[in-house]
Amino acid sequence: MLEGKNYCISRENIFAHEFLGLNARVLQSSDKNKSGIAGKIVDETKNLLVFETKQGIKQLPKKECVFEFEIGEEKAIVQGLRIIDRPEDRVKNFWRKKNAVQ
């Protein structure tokens, strides 16, 4: 869990937060060359996560990968297909679904 003055990122609410600045790793990918890539997330688009790695900048398609995010001492495993959306829309949709009247 990462805690700040006005926020707390955990495995349960990772979809409601920006990924920028988090360390992450590709656990699985349909492209075997992308499995194991690790680094800091420096950009995100609807379909890509951009990692800064020791080998340089890597653009990874969300739909092809399973990601492991480091959140303080915790790790969160996320299917890339679940995060295909613009970052601002993903955050907005998470809170709408969470607060929907059931």
C-alpha atoms as a PDB file:
ATOM      1  CA  MET A   1       0.000   0.000   0.000  1.00  0.00           C
ATOM      2  CA  LEU A   2       1.218   3.483  -0.832  1.00  0.00           C
ATOM      3  CA  GLU A   3      -0.038   6.216   1.427  1.00  0.00           C
ATOM      4  CA  GLY A   4       0.230   9.945   1.057  1.00  0.00           C
ATOM      5  CA  LYS A   5      -1.364  12.848   2.827  1.00  0.00           C
ATOM      6  CA  ASN A   6      -4.581  12.687   0.772  1.00  0.00           C
ATOM      7  CA  TYR A   7      -4.483   9.291  -0.939  1.00  0.00           C
ATOM      8  CA  CYS A   8      -3.921   5.594  -0.439  1.00  0.00           C
ATOM      9  CA  ILE A   9      -3.229   3.166  -3.279  1.00  0.00           C
ATOM     10  CA  SER A  10      -3.878  -0.519  -2.623  1.00  0.00           C
ATOM     11  CA  ARG A  11      -4.552  -3.667  -4.641  1.00  0.00           C
ATOM     12  CA  GLU A  12      -8.290  -3.139  -4.213  1.00  0.00           C
ATOM     13  CA  ASN A  13      -8.374   0.395  -5.630  1.00  0.00           C
ATOM     14  CA  ILE A  14      -5.453   0.408  -8.085  1.00  0.00           C
ATOM     15  CA  PHE A  15      -7.877   0.952 -10.991  1.00  0.00           C
ATOM     16  CA  ALA A  16      -8.900   4.266  -9.426  1.00  0.00           C
ATOM     17  CA  HIS A  17      -5.379   5.693  -9.530  1.00  0.00           C
ATOM     18  CA  GLU A  18      -2.831   6.811 -12.070  1.00  0.00           C
ATOM     19  CA  PHE A  19      -0.116   4.285 -12.883  1.00  0.00           C
ATOM     20  CA  LEU A  20       2.500   6.950 -13.623  1.00  0.00           C
ATOM     21  CA  GLY A  21       5.510   6.585 -11.358  1.00  0.00           C
ATOM     22  CA  LEU A  22       4.714   3.040 -10.266  1.00  0.00           C
ATOM     23  CA  ASN A  23       7.228   0.269 -10.809  1.00  0.00           C
ATOM     24  CA  ALA A  24       5.795  -2.603 -12.796  1.00  0.00           C
ATOM     25  CA  ARG A  25       6.756  -5.795 -14.556  1.00  0.00           C
ATOM     26  CA  VAL A  26       5.253  -7.845 -17.378  1.00  0.00           C
ATOM     27  CA  LEU A  27       4.389 -11.280 -15.975  1.00  0.00           C
ATOM     28  CA  GLN A  28       2.988 -12.719 -19.199  1.00  0.00           C
ATOM     29  CA  SER A  29       2.645 -11.582 -22.756  1.00  0.00           C
ATOM     30  CA  SER A  30       1.458 -13.103 -26.007  1.00  0.00           C
ATOM     31  CA  ASP A  31       4.779 -11.770 -27.359  1.00  0.00           C
ATOM     32  CA  LYS A  32       7.442 -13.788 -25.520  1.00  0.00           C
ATOM     33  CA  ASN A  33      10.007 -10.980 -26.012  1.00  0.00           C
ATOM     34  CA  LYS A  34       7.957  -8.718 -23.733  1.00  0.00           C
ATOM     35  CA  SER A  35       7.659 -11.099 -20.772  1.00  0.00           C
ATOM     36  CA  GLY A  36       9.853 -10.010 -17.889  1.00  0.00           C
ATOM     37  CA  ILE A  37      10.239  -6.365 -18.931  1.00  0.00           C
ATOM     38  CA  ALA A  38      10.343  -4.241 -15.783  1.00  0.00           C
ATOM     39  CA  GLY A  39      10.686  -0.573 -15.027  1.00  0.00           C
ATOM     40  CA  LYS A  40       8.920   2.612 -14.021  1.00  0.00           C
ATOM     41  CA  ILE A  41       5.756   3.651 -15.821  1.00  0.00           C
ATOM     42  CA  VAL A  42       6.363   7.033 -17.428  1.00  0.00           C
ATOM     43  CA  ASP A  43       3.334   7.361 -19.705  1.00  0.00           C
ATOM     44  CA  GLU A  44      -0.013   5.746 -20.367  1.00  0.00           C
ATOM     45  CA  THR A  45      -2.407   5.908 -23.295  1.00  0.00           C
ATOM     46  CA  LYS A  46      -5.641   4.065 -23.970  1.00  0.00           C
ATOM     47  CA  ASN A  47      -3.820   1.029 -25.343  1.00  0.00           C
ATOM     48  CA  LEU A  48      -0.219   1.335 -24.101  1.00  0.00           C
ATOM     49  CA  LEU A  49       1.856   1.504 -20.956  1.00  0.00           C
ATOM     50  CA  VAL A  50       5.250   3.128 -21.473  1.00  0.00           C
ATOM     51  CA  PHE A  51       8.038   1.783 -19.265  1.00  0.00           C
ATOM     52  CA  GLU A  52      11.408   3.368 -18.566  1.00  0.00           C
ATOM     53  CA  THR A  53      13.778   0.396 -18.289  1.00  0.00           C
ATOM     54  CA  LYS A  54      17.537  -0.043 -18.033  1.00  0.00           C
ATOM     55  CA  GLN A  55      17.484  -0.774 -21.776  1.00  0.00           C
ATOM     56  CA  GLY A  56      15.522   2.388 -22.599  1.00  0.00           C
ATOM     57  CA  ILE A  57      11.879   3.272 -23.199  1.00  0.00           C
ATOM     58  CA  LYS A  58       9.540   0.335 -23.941  1.00  0.00           C
ATOM     59  CA  GLN A  59       5.951   0.694 -25.173  1.00  0.00           C
ATOM     60  CA  LEU A  60       3.835  -2.259 -24.143  1.00  0.00           C
ATOM     61  CA  PRO A  61       0.328  -2.953 -25.455  1.00  0.00           C
ATOM     62  CA  LYS A  62      -2.091  -3.452 -22.593  1.00  0.00           C
ATOM     63  CA  LYS A  63      -4.161  -6.102 -24.383  1.00  0.00           C
ATOM     64  CA  GLU A  64      -1.174  -8.450 -24.793  1.00  0.00           C
ATOM     65  CA  CYS A  65       0.140  -8.395 -21.233  1.00  0.00           C
ATOM     66  CA  VAL A  66      -0.452  -9.282 -17.609  1.00  0.00           C
ATOM     67  CA  PHE A  67       1.217  -6.687 -15.378  1.00  0.00           C
ATOM     68  CA  GLU A  68       2.486  -6.802 -11.818  1.00  0.00           C
ATOM     69  CA  PHE A  69       2.489  -3.385 -10.124  1.00  0.00           C
ATOM     70  CA  GLU A  70       4.530  -2.638  -7.018  1.00  0.00           C
ATOM     71  CA  ILE A  71       2.473  -0.699  -4.507  1.00  0.00           C
ATOM     72  CA  GLY A  72       4.804  -0.101  -1.594  1.00  0.00           C
ATOM     73  CA  GLU A  73       5.398  -3.559  -0.117  1.00  0.00           C
ATOM     74  CA  GLU A  74       2.408  -5.084  -1.950  1.00  0.00           C
ATOM     75  CA  LYS A  75       2.124  -6.326  -5.501  1.00  0.00           C
ATOM     76  CA  ALA A  76      -1.011  -6.177  -7.642  1.00  0.00           C
ATOM     77  CA  ILE A  77      -1.482  -8.413 -10.667  1.00  0.00           C
ATOM     78  CA  VAL A  78      -3.633  -6.839 -13.382  1.00  0.00           C
ATOM     79  CA  GLN A  79      -4.834  -8.263 -16.696  1.00  0.00           C
ATOM     80  CA  GLY A  80      -4.038  -5.695 -19.378  1.00  0.00           C
ATOM     81  CA  LEU A  81      -7.466  -6.176 -20.939  1.00  0.00           C
ATOM     82  CA  ARG A  82      -9.054  -4.790 -17.755  1.00  0.00           C
ATOM     83  CA  ILE A  83      -7.207  -1.488 -18.059  1.00  0.00           C
ATOM     84  CA  ILE A  84      -7.754  -0.736 -21.741  1.00  0.00           C
ATOM     85  CA  ASP A  85      -9.160   2.758 -21.481  1.00  0.00           C
ATOM     86  CA  ARG A  86      -7.854   6.267 -21.283  1.00  0.00           C
ATOM     87  CA  PRO A  87      -6.384   6.774 -17.804  1.00  0.00           C
ATOM     88  CA  GLU A  88      -8.849   9.512 -16.893  1.00  0.00           C
ATOM     89  CA  ASP A  89     -11.805   7.382 -18.037  1.00  0.00           C
ATOM     90  CA  ARG A  90     -10.572   4.316 -16.149  1.00  0.00           C
ATOM     91  CA  VAL A  91     -10.422   6.302 -12.918  1.00  0.00           C
ATOM     92  CA  LYS A  92     -13.845   7.855 -13.495  1.00  0.00           C
ATOM     93  CA  ASN A  93     -15.469   4.525 -14.393  1.00  0.00           C
ATOM     94  CA  PHE A  94     -14.019   2.802 -11.318  1.00  0.00           C
ATOM     95  CA  TRP A  95     -15.706   5.275  -8.985  1.00  0.00           C
ATOM     96  CA  ARG A  96     -18.980   5.176 -10.929  1.00  0.00           C
ATOM     97  CA  LYS A  97     -19.141   1.381 -10.677  1.00  0.00           C
ATOM     98  CA  LYS A  98     -18.112   1.378  -7.040  1.00  0.00           C
ATOM     99  CA  ASN A  99     -20.724   3.968  -6.062  1.00  0.00           C
ATOM    100  CA  ALA A 100     -23.548   2.632  -8.258  1.00  0.00           C
ATOM    101  CA  VAL A 101     -26.789   1.876  -6.461  1.00  0.00           C
ATOM    102  CA  GLN A 102     -27.351  -1.861  -6.425  1.00  0.00           C
END
